[in-house]
Amino acid sequence: MSSQGGIQSVTEVAKALEKHPAVLFYFSTLSCAVGEALEPKVRDMIARDYPKIEFVWINMNAAPEVLGAYQVFVEPTILLFVHGKEYLRRSRNIHLAELQGAIQRIYDLAFSN
């Protein structure tokens, strides 16, 4: 992974999906004010409330191959994968409380024992 923005290739995405039971990919650029403001809030929520989810930021300017493969066209975009399957996609106008509720439902189903 590059320091320029984490994952930059589809191969790196696949490796992250193999390594972690759940991955939240956060797509944005350094020039998007909304994406920059929301990113630390989402990162903190994941770290605090969902320990089995790995947070991965993807710089959209550095990963055109990934954007095409996962059909990410606007920023910010959030994709949540559990056991390699996409379960959640949110783009542009992302409301933190709604996002947290959606993640909580998926997390409870995937990881409750």
N, C-alpha and C. Protein backbone atom coordinates (compact mmCIF):
# COMPACT_ATOMS: atom_id res chain seq x y z
N MET A 1 0.84 -1.18 0.00
CA MET A 1 0.00 0.00 0.00
C MET A 1 0.88 1.24 0.00
N SER A 2 0.39 2.24 -0.64
CA SER A 2 1.15 3.48 -0.76
C SER A 2 0.76 4.47 0.32
N SER A 3 1.70 5.30 0.73
CA SER A 3 1.39 6.35 1.69
C SER A 3 0.55 7.43 1.03
N GLN A 4 0.47 7.38 -0.29
CA GLN A 4 -0.29 8.38 -1.03
C GLN A 4 -1.79 8.20 -0.85
N GLY A 5 -2.24 7.11 -0.33
CA GLY A 5 -3.66 6.95 -0.15
C GLY A 5 -4.07 5.51 -0.03
N GLY A 6 -3.29 4.73 0.67
CA GLY A 6 -3.70 3.36 0.90
C GLY A 6 -3.70 2.54 -0.37
N ILE A 7 -4.77 1.88 -0.58
CA ILE A 7 -4.92 0.95 -1.70
C ILE A 7 -4.98 1.69 -3.02
N GLN A 8 -4.28 1.15 -4.02
CA GLN A 8 -4.28 1.77 -5.34
C GLN A 8 -4.59 0.79 -6.46
N SER A 9 -4.81 -0.49 -6.15
CA SER A 9 -5.08 -1.47 -7.20
C SER A 9 -6.15 -2.47 -6.76
N VAL A 10 -6.75 -3.09 -7.73
CA VAL A 10 -7.76 -4.12 -7.45
C VAL A 10 -7.13 -5.29 -6.71
N THR A 11 -5.87 -5.59 -7.00
CA THR A 11 -5.16 -6.66 -6.30
C THR A 11 -5.04 -6.35 -4.82
N GLU A 12 -4.75 -5.09 -4.48
CA GLU A 12 -4.65 -4.70 -3.07
C GLU A 12 -6.01 -4.77 -2.37
N VAL A 13 -7.07 -4.44 -3.10
CA VAL A 13 -8.43 -4.57 -2.54
C VAL A 13 -8.69 -6.04 -2.22
N ALA A 14 -8.37 -6.92 -3.16
CA ALA A 14 -8.58 -8.35 -2.94
C ALA A 14 -7.80 -8.86 -1.74
N LYS A 15 -6.57 -8.39 -1.58
CA LYS A 15 -5.76 -8.80 -0.43
C LYS A 15 -6.38 -8.34 0.88
N ALA A 16 -6.90 -7.11 0.91
CA ALA A 16 -7.56 -6.60 2.11
C ALA A 16 -8.80 -7.42 2.43
N LEU A 17 -9.55 -7.80 1.40
CA LEU A 17 -10.76 -8.59 1.62
C LEU A 17 -10.44 -9.99 2.11
N GLU A 18 -9.32 -10.55 1.67
CA GLU A 18 -8.89 -11.87 2.14
C GLU A 18 -8.39 -11.82 3.58
N LYS A 19 -7.71 -10.75 3.92
CA LYS A 19 -7.05 -10.64 5.22
C LYS A 19 -8.01 -10.33 6.37
N HIS A 20 -9.10 -9.61 6.10
CA HIS A 20 -10.00 -9.14 7.15
C HIS A 20 -11.42 -9.69 6.93
N PRO A 21 -12.12 -10.06 8.00
CA PRO A 21 -13.49 -10.56 7.83
C PRO A 21 -14.45 -9.48 7.33
N ALA A 22 -14.15 -8.23 7.63
CA ALA A 22 -14.98 -7.12 7.16
C ALA A 22 -14.08 -5.92 6.89
N VAL A 23 -14.38 -5.22 5.79
CA VAL A 23 -13.60 -4.05 5.41
C VAL A 23 -14.55 -2.95 4.98
N LEU A 24 -14.33 -1.75 5.52
CA LEU A 24 -15.04 -0.57 5.07
C LEU A 24 -14.06 0.26 4.26
N PHE A 25 -14.35 0.39 2.96
CA PHE A 25 -13.53 1.21 2.07
C PHE A 25 -14.15 2.60 2.00
N TYR A 26 -13.34 3.59 2.28
CA TYR A 26 -13.78 4.99 2.26
C TYR A 26 -13.07 5.68 1.09
N PHE A 27 -13.82 6.03 0.06
CA PHE A 27 -13.27 6.65 -1.14
C PHE A 27 -13.48 8.16 -1.08
N SER A 28 -12.39 8.91 -1.22
CA SER A 28 -12.49 10.37 -1.33
C SER A 28 -11.17 10.90 -1.89
N THR A 29 -11.10 12.21 -2.02
CA THR A 29 -9.86 12.84 -2.45
C THR A 29 -9.44 13.85 -1.39
N LEU A 30 -8.23 14.31 -1.50
CA LEU A 30 -7.75 15.31 -0.56
C LEU A 30 -8.36 16.67 -0.82
N SER A 31 -9.01 16.85 -1.96
CA SER A 31 -9.59 18.15 -2.31
C SER A 31 -11.09 18.23 -2.05
N CYS A 32 -11.67 17.19 -1.47
CA CYS A 32 -13.12 17.17 -1.20
C CYS A 32 -13.35 17.55 0.26
N ALA A 33 -13.90 18.73 0.48
CA ALA A 33 -14.13 19.21 1.85
C ALA A 33 -15.08 18.29 2.62
N VAL A 34 -16.13 17.83 1.96
CA VAL A 34 -17.10 16.94 2.61
C VAL A 34 -16.43 15.63 2.98
N GLY A 35 -15.70 15.07 2.04
CA GLY A 35 -15.01 13.81 2.29
C GLY A 35 -13.98 13.92 3.40
N GLU A 36 -13.24 15.03 3.41
CA GLU A 36 -12.24 15.24 4.45
C GLU A 36 -12.87 15.42 5.83
N ALA A 37 -14.02 16.08 5.89
CA ALA A 37 -14.68 16.31 7.17
C ALA A 37 -15.32 15.04 7.72
N LEU A 38 -15.86 14.21 6.83
CA LEU A 38 -16.57 13.00 7.25
C LEU A 38 -15.62 11.86 7.59
N GLU A 39 -14.49 11.79 6.91
CA GLU A 39 -13.58 10.65 7.06
C GLU A 39 -13.17 10.39 8.50
N PRO A 40 -12.70 11.37 9.27
CA PRO A 40 -12.30 11.05 10.65
C PRO A 40 -13.46 10.60 11.53
N LYS A 41 -14.65 11.09 11.24
CA LYS A 41 -15.83 10.68 12.01
C LYS A 41 -16.16 9.22 11.74
N VAL A 42 -16.11 8.83 10.48
CA VAL A 42 -16.38 7.43 10.12
C VAL A 42 -15.27 6.53 10.64
N ARG A 43 -14.02 6.95 10.49
CA ARG A 43 -12.87 6.17 10.98
C ARG A 43 -12.98 5.94 12.49
N ASP A 44 -13.31 7.00 13.24
CA ASP A 44 -13.44 6.88 14.69
C ASP A 44 -14.60 5.98 15.09
N MET A 45 -15.74 6.10 14.38
CA MET A 45 -16.90 5.26 14.66
C MET A 45 -16.55 3.79 14.46
N ILE A 46 -15.87 3.48 13.37
CA ILE A 46 -15.50 2.09 13.08
C ILE A 46 -14.54 1.57 14.16
N ALA A 47 -13.53 2.36 14.49
CA ALA A 47 -12.55 1.93 15.50
C ALA A 47 -13.20 1.73 16.87
N ARG A 48 -14.13 2.60 17.22
CA ARG A 48 -14.76 2.58 18.55
C ARG A 48 -15.82 1.48 18.66
N ASP A 49 -16.67 1.34 17.64
CA ASP A 49 -17.87 0.51 17.76
C ASP A 49 -17.81 -0.83 17.02
N TYR A 50 -16.91 -0.96 16.06
CA TYR A 50 -16.91 -2.16 15.20
C TYR A 50 -15.50 -2.72 15.05
N PRO A 51 -14.99 -3.37 16.07
CA PRO A 51 -13.59 -3.82 16.05
C PRO A 51 -13.27 -4.87 14.99
N LYS A 52 -14.26 -5.53 14.46
CA LYS A 52 -14.00 -6.56 13.44
C LYS A 52 -14.00 -5.98 12.02
N ILE A 53 -14.24 -4.69 11.90
CA ILE A 53 -14.23 -4.03 10.59
C ILE A 53 -12.92 -3.26 10.44
N GLU A 54 -12.23 -3.50 9.34
CA GLU A 54 -11.01 -2.77 9.02
C GLU A 54 -11.40 -1.54 8.18
N PHE A 55 -10.95 -0.36 8.58
CA PHE A 55 -11.19 0.87 7.83
C PHE A 55 -10.04 1.08 6.86
N VAL A 56 -10.37 1.31 5.57
CA VAL A 56 -9.34 1.55 4.56
C VAL A 56 -9.75 2.77 3.74
N TRP A 57 -8.90 3.80 3.76
CA TRP A 57 -9.15 4.98 2.94
C TRP A 57 -8.52 4.78 1.58
N ILE A 58 -9.26 5.14 0.53
CA ILE A 58 -8.74 5.06 -0.83
C ILE A 58 -8.81 6.44 -1.46
N ASN A 59 -7.65 6.95 -1.85
CA ASN A 59 -7.55 8.23 -2.55
C ASN A 59 -8.01 8.01 -3.98
N MET A 60 -9.12 8.61 -4.33
CA MET A 60 -9.70 8.40 -5.65
C MET A 60 -8.79 8.87 -6.78
N ASN A 61 -7.94 9.84 -6.52
CA ASN A 61 -7.00 10.33 -7.54
C ASN A 61 -5.90 9.32 -7.84
N ALA A 62 -5.62 8.43 -6.89
CA ALA A 62 -4.51 7.49 -7.04
C ALA A 62 -4.95 6.09 -7.41
N ALA A 63 -6.27 5.86 -7.54
CA ALA A 63 -6.76 4.49 -7.73
C ALA A 63 -7.81 4.37 -8.83
N PRO A 64 -7.53 4.84 -10.05
CA PRO A 64 -8.56 4.78 -11.10
C PRO A 64 -9.02 3.36 -11.43
N GLU A 65 -8.11 2.39 -11.33
CA GLU A 65 -8.46 1.00 -11.60
C GLU A 65 -9.51 0.49 -10.60
N VAL A 66 -9.34 0.86 -9.35
CA VAL A 66 -10.28 0.45 -8.30
C VAL A 66 -11.63 1.12 -8.50
N LEU A 67 -11.62 2.41 -8.86
CA LEU A 67 -12.87 3.13 -9.08
C LEU A 67 -13.69 2.47 -10.17
N GLY A 68 -13.05 2.11 -11.26
CA GLY A 68 -13.76 1.45 -12.35
C GLY A 68 -14.28 0.08 -11.96
N ALA A 69 -13.44 -0.69 -11.30
CA ALA A 69 -13.82 -2.06 -10.94
C ALA A 69 -14.99 -2.09 -9.96
N TYR A 70 -15.07 -1.10 -9.08
CA TYR A 70 -16.12 -1.08 -8.06
C TYR A 70 -17.18 -0.02 -8.31
N GLN A 71 -17.15 0.56 -9.51
CA GLN A 71 -18.14 1.54 -9.95
C GLN A 71 -18.34 2.66 -8.93
N VAL A 72 -17.25 3.28 -8.56
CA VAL A 72 -17.27 4.42 -7.65
C VAL A 72 -17.08 5.67 -8.50
N PHE A 73 -18.10 6.54 -8.52
CA PHE A 73 -18.08 7.69 -9.41
C PHE A 73 -18.15 9.03 -8.69
N VAL A 74 -18.55 9.05 -7.44
CA VAL A 74 -18.67 10.31 -6.70
C VAL A 74 -17.96 10.16 -5.35
N GLU A 75 -17.64 11.32 -4.79
CA GLU A 75 -16.99 11.30 -3.48
C GLU A 75 -17.83 12.05 -2.47
N PRO A 76 -17.78 11.66 -1.26
CA PRO A 76 -17.20 10.41 -0.78
C PRO A 76 -18.12 9.22 -1.09
N THR A 77 -17.54 8.05 -1.18
CA THR A 77 -18.29 6.80 -1.31
C THR A 77 -17.76 5.82 -0.27
N ILE A 78 -18.69 5.10 0.35
CA ILE A 78 -18.35 4.10 1.35
C ILE A 78 -18.87 2.75 0.87
N LEU A 79 -18.00 1.75 0.89
CA LEU A 79 -18.38 0.37 0.59
C LEU A 79 -18.02 -0.49 1.79
N LEU A 80 -18.97 -1.28 2.26
CA LEU A 80 -18.71 -2.20 3.36
C LEU A 80 -18.81 -3.63 2.84
N PHE A 81 -17.73 -4.36 3.01
CA PHE A 81 -17.68 -5.77 2.61
C PHE A 81 -17.58 -6.63 3.86
N VAL A 82 -18.34 -7.72 3.88
CA VAL A 82 -18.26 -8.71 4.95
C VAL A 82 -18.04 -10.06 4.28
N HIS A 83 -16.98 -10.74 4.69
CA HIS A 83 -16.60 -12.03 4.12
C HIS A 83 -16.55 -11.96 2.59
N GLY A 84 -15.99 -10.85 2.08
CA GLY A 84 -15.77 -10.69 0.65
C GLY A 84 -16.96 -10.23 -0.17
N LYS A 85 -18.09 -10.03 0.46
CA LYS A 85 -19.30 -9.63 -0.27
C LYS A 85 -19.71 -8.21 0.12
N GLU A 86 -20.08 -7.42 -0.88
CA GLU A 86 -20.53 -6.06 -0.60
C GLU A 86 -21.91 -6.07 0.04
N TYR A 87 -22.02 -5.41 1.20
CA TYR A 87 -23.28 -5.34 1.92
C TYR A 87 -23.83 -3.93 2.02
N LEU A 88 -22.99 -2.93 1.80
CA LEU A 88 -23.43 -1.56 2.00
C LEU A 88 -22.68 -0.65 1.04
N ARG A 89 -23.42 0.30 0.46
CA ARG A 89 -22.83 1.31 -0.42
C ARG A 89 -23.55 2.62 -0.14
N ARG A 90 -22.77 3.64 0.19
CA ARG A 90 -23.32 4.98 0.40
C ARG A 90 -22.43 5.97 -0.33
N SER A 91 -23.05 6.96 -0.96
CA SER A 91 -22.30 7.96 -1.69
C SER A 91 -22.85 9.35 -1.46
N ARG A 92 -21.98 10.31 -1.66
CA ARG A 92 -22.26 11.74 -1.66
C ARG A 92 -22.82 12.25 -0.35
N ASN A 93 -24.13 12.31 -0.19
CA ASN A 93 -24.75 12.85 1.02
C ASN A 93 -24.92 11.73 2.04
N ILE A 94 -23.92 11.55 2.87
CA ILE A 94 -23.90 10.46 3.83
C ILE A 94 -24.23 11.01 5.21
N HIS A 95 -25.29 10.49 5.81
CA HIS A 95 -25.69 10.92 7.15
C HIS A 95 -25.11 9.92 8.15
N LEU A 96 -24.33 10.42 9.08
CA LEU A 96 -23.58 9.57 10.00
C LEU A 96 -24.49 8.65 10.83
N ALA A 97 -25.60 9.17 11.34
CA ALA A 97 -26.50 8.36 12.16
C ALA A 97 -27.12 7.23 11.34
N GLU A 98 -27.51 7.53 10.12
CA GLU A 98 -28.10 6.50 9.24
C GLU A 98 -27.05 5.46 8.88
N LEU A 99 -25.84 5.93 8.59
CA LEU A 99 -24.74 5.02 8.27
C LEU A 99 -24.46 4.09 9.44
N GLN A 100 -24.41 4.64 10.65
CA GLN A 100 -24.13 3.83 11.83
C GLN A 100 -25.22 2.78 12.03
N GLY A 101 -26.48 3.15 11.84
CA GLY A 101 -27.57 2.18 11.98
C GLY A 101 -27.47 1.05 10.97
N ALA A 102 -27.13 1.40 9.74
CA ALA A 102 -27.00 0.38 8.69
C ALA A 102 -25.82 -0.55 8.99
N ILE A 103 -24.69 0.01 9.42
CA ILE A 103 -23.54 -0.82 9.75
C ILE A 103 -23.85 -1.70 10.95
N GLN A 104 -24.54 -1.16 11.94
CA GLN A 104 -24.88 -1.93 13.14
C GLN A 104 -25.70 -3.17 12.79
N ARG A 105 -26.69 -3.00 11.92
CA ARG A 105 -27.54 -4.15 11.51
C ARG A 105 -26.69 -5.23 10.83
N ILE A 106 -25.84 -4.82 9.92
CA ILE A 106 -24.98 -5.77 9.21
C ILE A 106 -24.00 -6.44 10.18
N TYR A 107 -23.40 -5.64 11.04
CA TYR A 107 -22.43 -6.15 12.02
C TYR A 107 -23.06 -7.17 12.94
N ASP A 108 -24.25 -6.86 13.45
CA ASP A 108 -24.95 -7.78 14.35
C ASP A 108 -25.25 -9.11 13.65
N LEU A 109 -25.70 -9.06 12.41
CA LEU A 109 -25.99 -10.28 11.66
C LEU A 109 -24.73 -11.09 11.37
N ALA A 110 -23.67 -10.40 11.01
CA ALA A 110 -22.45 -11.09 10.60
C ALA A 110 -21.64 -11.64 11.77
N PHE A 111 -21.67 -10.95 12.91
CA PHE A 111 -20.75 -11.31 13.98
C PHE A 111 -21.38 -11.69 15.30
N SER A 112 -22.70 -11.76 15.37
CA SER A 112 -23.32 -12.20 16.63
C SER A 112 -23.18 -13.71 16.74
N ASN A 113 -22.88 -14.15 17.92
CA ASN A 113 -22.68 -15.60 18.14
C ASN A 113 -23.77 -16.15 19.01
